[in-house]
């Protein structure tokens, strides 16, 4: 059983998920530190999202163990949900509400006082170029701004661990870079950020990465170390070499 007393924010032992005869994640072994930006890399169907959903307590593993934010994912899922933030790869906010109304709605879900939630959101959104007092509906925002709003809502309860499932999918390169500037600030403030992506250039921003293929771990380490070990110049070349 993983040791709750360790400093790791995430610790797994042989975490596995099967759907019938199909194994989506096979024997995942991880130890992710506090304040780390950790990347799950892989093509669509590699097992990234399934792994994230297990670690968030949204999907029960078939076998194996995991402690996330000092909570056992098998027996303490409700405790876990209060300690983590989660942003799905699909825009999960309500498009027929304004920015402010979405913030208030999620403050209720996370049981955060409205005044506190609005103050937190205003600080974050102002830095991201979004006006909390704008009366326009959320559906009118560009996708990059919607993603920033979703990130803000996932942070209203001040979680120490944040899961981002392909947060920059579908946005332009400039918006992706702006989003990663926010992620870096969160890590600098001591939060642990776990992000899935199929953009190999984004892997360069992570402290460590795990490369998955067909549910298996095929590489784990710092981007620079993995590139040196495999004698490649960038993460794109590394990924193509590993998966081929």
Protein backbone atom coordinates (compact mmCIF):
# COMPACT_ATOMS: atom_id res chain seq x y z
CA UNK A 1 0.00 0.00 0.00
CA UNK A 2 1.36 3.50 -0.78
CA UNK A 3 2.60 5.37 2.31
CA UNK A 4 0.41 8.40 3.18
CA UNK A 5 3.27 9.91 5.21
CA UNK A 6 5.51 10.44 2.19
CA UNK A 7 5.83 13.93 0.70
CA UNK A 8 4.64 12.76 -2.73
CA UNK A 9 1.40 14.39 -3.83
CA UNK A 10 0.61 11.31 -5.95
CA UNK A 11 1.83 7.79 -5.38
CA UNK A 12 0.61 4.73 -7.29
CA UNK A 13 1.44 1.04 -7.23
CA UNK A 14 0.50 -1.13 -10.25
CA UNK A 15 -2.57 0.98 -10.99
CA UNK A 16 -4.57 -0.79 -13.71
CA UNK A 17 -7.85 -0.25 -15.53
CA UNK A 18 -9.49 -2.78 -17.82
CA UNK A 19 -12.71 -2.48 -19.81
CA UNK A 20 -13.64 -6.08 -20.49
CA UNK A 21 -10.67 -7.61 -22.30
CA UNK A 22 -9.22 -4.20 -23.16
CA UNK A 23 -6.53 -2.84 -20.84
CA UNK A 24 -6.59 0.98 -20.91
CA UNK A 25 -3.89 1.47 -18.25
CA UNK A 26 -1.53 -1.30 -17.20
CA UNK A 27 0.49 -1.32 -13.95
CA UNK A 28 1.06 2.42 -13.62
CA UNK A 29 3.73 3.22 -11.01
CA UNK A 30 4.26 6.89 -10.20
CA UNK A 31 5.51 9.22 -7.49
CA UNK A 32 4.75 12.90 -8.20
CA UNK A 33 6.19 15.55 -5.91
CA UNK A 34 4.59 18.65 -4.43
CA UNK A 35 5.07 21.71 -6.63
CA UNK A 36 5.87 19.63 -9.71
CA UNK A 37 4.50 20.13 -13.23
CA UNK A 38 4.06 16.56 -14.42
CA UNK A 39 3.06 15.72 -17.98
CA UNK A 40 1.23 12.69 -19.34
CA UNK A 41 2.14 12.39 -23.03
CA UNK A 42 0.77 10.16 -25.72
CA UNK A 43 -1.44 9.91 -28.76
CA UNK A 44 -5.21 9.73 -28.46
CA UNK A 45 -6.14 6.40 -26.88
CA UNK A 46 -2.77 5.98 -25.14
CA UNK A 47 -4.40 5.83 -21.70
CA UNK A 48 -3.73 9.37 -20.47
CA UNK A 49 -7.30 10.40 -19.74
CA UNK A 50 -8.15 7.05 -18.15
CA UNK A 51 -5.18 7.42 -15.81
CA UNK A 52 -6.20 10.97 -14.89
CA UNK A 53 -9.79 9.96 -14.24
CA UNK A 54 -8.63 7.22 -11.86
CA UNK A 55 -6.34 9.60 -9.99
CA UNK A 56 -9.23 12.09 -9.66
CA UNK A 57 -11.50 9.45 -8.15
CA UNK A 58 -13.85 9.61 -11.14
CA UNK A 59 -13.09 6.08 -12.33
CA UNK A 60 -12.45 3.04 -10.11
CA UNK A 61 -9.32 1.07 -10.98
CA UNK A 62 -9.54 -2.63 -11.75
CA UNK A 63 -6.52 -3.29 -9.54
CA UNK A 64 -3.60 -1.54 -7.90
CA UNK A 65 -3.38 1.23 -5.32
CA UNK A 66 -3.01 5.01 -5.26
CA UNK A 67 -2.79 7.80 -2.70
CA UNK A 68 -3.58 11.26 -4.12
CA UNK A 69 -3.43 14.40 -1.93
CA UNK A 70 -3.30 12.10 1.13
CA UNK A 71 -6.53 10.34 0.08
CA UNK A 72 -6.96 6.72 -0.94
CA UNK A 73 -8.68 6.85 -4.34
CA UNK A 74 -10.57 3.60 -3.61
CA UNK A 75 -12.02 4.50 -0.21
CA UNK A 76 -11.78 8.30 0.14
CA UNK A 77 -13.07 9.66 -3.16
CA UNK A 78 -15.24 12.37 -1.54
CA UNK A 79 -12.29 13.62 0.51
CA UNK A 80 -10.20 13.62 -2.67
CA UNK A 81 -12.67 15.74 -4.65
CA UNK A 82 -12.39 18.52 -2.06
CA UNK A 83 -8.59 18.58 -2.29
CA UNK A 84 -8.05 18.63 -6.04
CA UNK A 85 -9.02 20.79 -8.99
CA UNK A 86 -10.00 19.18 -12.29
CA UNK A 87 -10.38 20.67 -15.74
CA UNK A 88 -11.61 18.31 -18.43
CA UNK A 89 -10.52 18.35 -22.06
CA UNK A 90 -14.02 19.50 -23.07
CA UNK A 91 -15.30 22.89 -21.98
CA UNK A 92 -17.34 22.06 -18.89
CA UNK A 93 -18.79 25.42 -17.90
CA UNK A 94 -22.27 26.72 -18.68
CA UNK A 95 -22.24 28.72 -21.90
CA UNK A 96 -25.64 30.33 -21.25
CA UNK A 97 -24.33 31.94 -18.05
CA UNK A 98 -22.10 35.00 -17.78
CA UNK A 99 -18.54 34.75 -16.50
CA UNK A 100 -19.64 35.93 -13.04
CA UNK A 101 -22.58 33.52 -12.94
CA UNK A 102 -20.27 30.59 -13.76
CA UNK A 103 -17.94 31.63 -10.93
CA UNK A 104 -20.86 31.82 -8.48
CA UNK A 105 -22.20 28.45 -9.64
CA UNK A 106 -18.87 26.71 -9.05
CA UNK A 107 -18.37 28.47 -5.73
CA UNK A 108 -21.51 26.62 -4.61
CA UNK A 109 -20.20 23.28 -5.88
CA UNK A 110 -16.91 23.74 -4.03
CA UNK A 111 -18.65 25.22 -0.96
CA UNK A 112 -16.67 28.46 -1.13
CA UNK A 113 -18.20 31.71 0.11
CA UNK A 114 -19.36 33.84 -2.81
CA UNK A 115 -17.38 36.90 -1.73
CA UNK A 116 -14.20 34.85 -1.47
CA UNK A 117 -14.81 33.14 -4.83
CA UNK A 118 -15.46 36.45 -6.61
CA UNK A 119 -12.31 38.00 -5.13
CA UNK A 120 -10.20 35.01 -6.19
CA UNK A 121 -11.74 34.94 -9.66
CA UNK A 122 -11.36 38.68 -10.22
CA UNK A 123 -7.64 38.55 -9.45
CA UNK A 124 -7.02 35.59 -11.75
CA UNK A 125 -9.29 36.68 -14.59
CA UNK A 126 -7.92 40.22 -14.67
CA UNK A 127 -4.42 38.79 -15.17
CA UNK A 128 -5.82 36.68 -18.02
CA UNK A 129 -7.56 39.60 -19.72
CA UNK A 130 -11.14 38.61 -18.79
CA UNK A 131 -13.62 41.03 -17.22
CA UNK A 132 -15.58 39.41 -14.39
CA UNK A 133 -18.27 42.09 -14.70
CA UNK A 134 -18.83 41.54 -18.44
CA UNK A 135 -22.52 40.82 -19.04
CA UNK A 136 -21.90 38.80 -22.20
CA UNK A 137 -22.66 35.08 -22.11
CA UNK A 138 -19.73 32.70 -21.79
CA UNK A 139 -20.50 31.16 -25.19
CA UNK A 140 -19.43 34.44 -26.83
CA UNK A 141 -15.86 34.15 -25.50
CA UNK A 142 -13.03 32.84 -27.73
CA UNK A 143 -12.05 29.25 -26.87
CA UNK A 144 -8.77 30.32 -25.26
CA UNK A 145 -10.64 32.60 -22.85
CA UNK A 146 -13.18 29.88 -22.09
CA UNK A 147 -10.32 27.60 -21.10
CA UNK A 148 -8.88 30.28 -18.82
CA UNK A 149 -12.28 30.71 -17.19
CA UNK A 150 -12.56 26.94 -16.69
CA UNK A 151 -9.11 26.95 -15.08
CA UNK A 152 -10.15 29.76 -12.75
CA UNK A 153 -13.29 27.89 -11.66
CA UNK A 154 -11.25 24.77 -10.92
CA UNK A 155 -9.09 26.83 -8.53
CA UNK A 156 -11.81 28.60 -6.53
CA UNK A 157 -11.37 26.27 -3.53
CA UNK A 158 -7.57 26.70 -3.59
CA UNK A 159 -6.61 23.04 -4.22
CA UNK A 160 -2.97 22.06 -3.88
CA UNK A 161 -3.24 19.57 -6.76
CA UNK A 162 -4.62 20.47 -10.17
CA UNK A 163 -5.46 18.05 -13.00
CA UNK A 164 -5.62 19.49 -16.52
CA UNK A 165 -6.79 17.07 -19.20
CA UNK A 166 -5.60 18.39 -22.59
CA UNK A 167 -6.40 21.98 -21.54
CA UNK A 168 -5.01 23.62 -24.70
CA UNK A 169 -6.60 21.33 -27.28
CA UNK A 170 -8.13 23.39 -30.08
CA UNK A 171 -6.63 26.76 -29.12
CA UNK A 172 -4.04 28.71 -31.11
CA UNK A 173 -0.30 28.68 -30.24
CA UNK A 174 -0.40 32.13 -28.63
CA UNK A 175 -3.27 31.12 -26.35
CA UNK A 176 -1.46 27.88 -25.49
CA UNK A 177 1.63 29.81 -24.42
CA UNK A 178 -0.45 32.20 -22.31
CA UNK A 179 -2.14 29.25 -20.63
CA UNK A 180 1.24 27.73 -19.80
CA UNK A 181 2.38 31.01 -18.28
CA UNK A 182 -0.48 30.60 -15.81
CA UNK A 183 0.49 26.97 -15.11
CA UNK A 184 4.08 28.02 -14.36
CA UNK A 185 2.86 30.66 -11.91
CA UNK A 186 0.73 28.06 -10.13
CA UNK A 187 3.72 25.74 -9.76
CA UNK A 188 5.88 28.61 -8.54
CA UNK A 189 3.23 29.20 -5.86
CA UNK A 190 3.65 25.59 -4.69
CA UNK A 191 0.75 23.86 -6.44
CA UNK A 192 1.23 20.50 -8.11
CA UNK A 193 -0.02 20.45 -11.71
CA UNK A 194 -0.65 17.25 -13.65
CA UNK A 195 -1.39 17.84 -17.32
CA UNK A 196 -2.14 15.57 -20.26
CA UNK A 197 -1.25 16.70 -23.75
CA UNK A 198 -0.50 15.42 -27.22
CA UNK A 199 1.45 18.59 -28.07
CA UNK A 200 5.08 17.55 -27.73
CA UNK A 201 6.35 21.12 -27.45
CA UNK A 202 4.33 21.50 -24.24
CA UNK A 203 6.30 18.65 -22.71
CA UNK A 204 9.31 20.98 -22.59
CA UNK A 205 7.48 23.04 -19.95
CA UNK A 206 7.08 20.06 -17.58
CA UNK A 207 9.51 19.13 -14.82
CA UNK A 208 8.99 15.45 -15.66
CA UNK A 209 6.95 13.57 -18.21
CA UNK A 210 5.50 10.10 -18.63
CA UNK A 211 5.05 8.80 -22.17
CA UNK A 212 2.26 6.27 -22.65
CA UNK A 213 1.36 3.98 -25.51
CA UNK A 214 -1.46 1.42 -25.50
CA UNK A 215 -1.85 1.81 -21.74
CA UNK A 216 1.82 1.13 -21.01
CA UNK A 217 4.53 3.40 -19.63
CA UNK A 218 7.27 3.58 -22.25
CA UNK A 219 9.33 6.44 -20.78
CA UNK A 220 9.47 8.45 -17.55
CA UNK A 221 11.85 11.27 -16.62
CA UNK A 222 12.92 14.87 -17.15
CA UNK A 223 12.55 16.08 -20.75
CA UNK A 224 16.26 16.99 -21.03
CA UNK A 225 17.39 13.65 -19.65
CA UNK A 226 15.09 11.67 -21.94
CA UNK A 227 16.31 13.60 -24.99
CA UNK A 228 19.94 12.98 -24.05
CA UNK A 229 19.37 9.29 -23.38
CA UNK A 230 17.67 8.83 -26.73
CA UNK A 231 20.03 11.15 -28.67
CA UNK A 232 17.33 13.43 -30.04
CA UNK A 233 16.99 17.22 -30.22
CA UNK A 234 13.38 17.76 -29.19
CA UNK A 235 10.36 16.04 -27.64
CA UNK A 236 8.71 15.49 -31.02
CA UNK A 237 11.69 13.41 -32.16
CA UNK A 238 11.73 11.62 -28.80
CA UNK A 239 8.07 10.70 -29.04
CA UNK A 240 8.34 9.42 -32.61
CA UNK A 241 11.40 7.35 -31.68
CA UNK A 242 9.72 5.82 -28.64
CA UNK A 243 6.39 4.95 -30.22
CA UNK A 244 7.95 3.47 -33.34
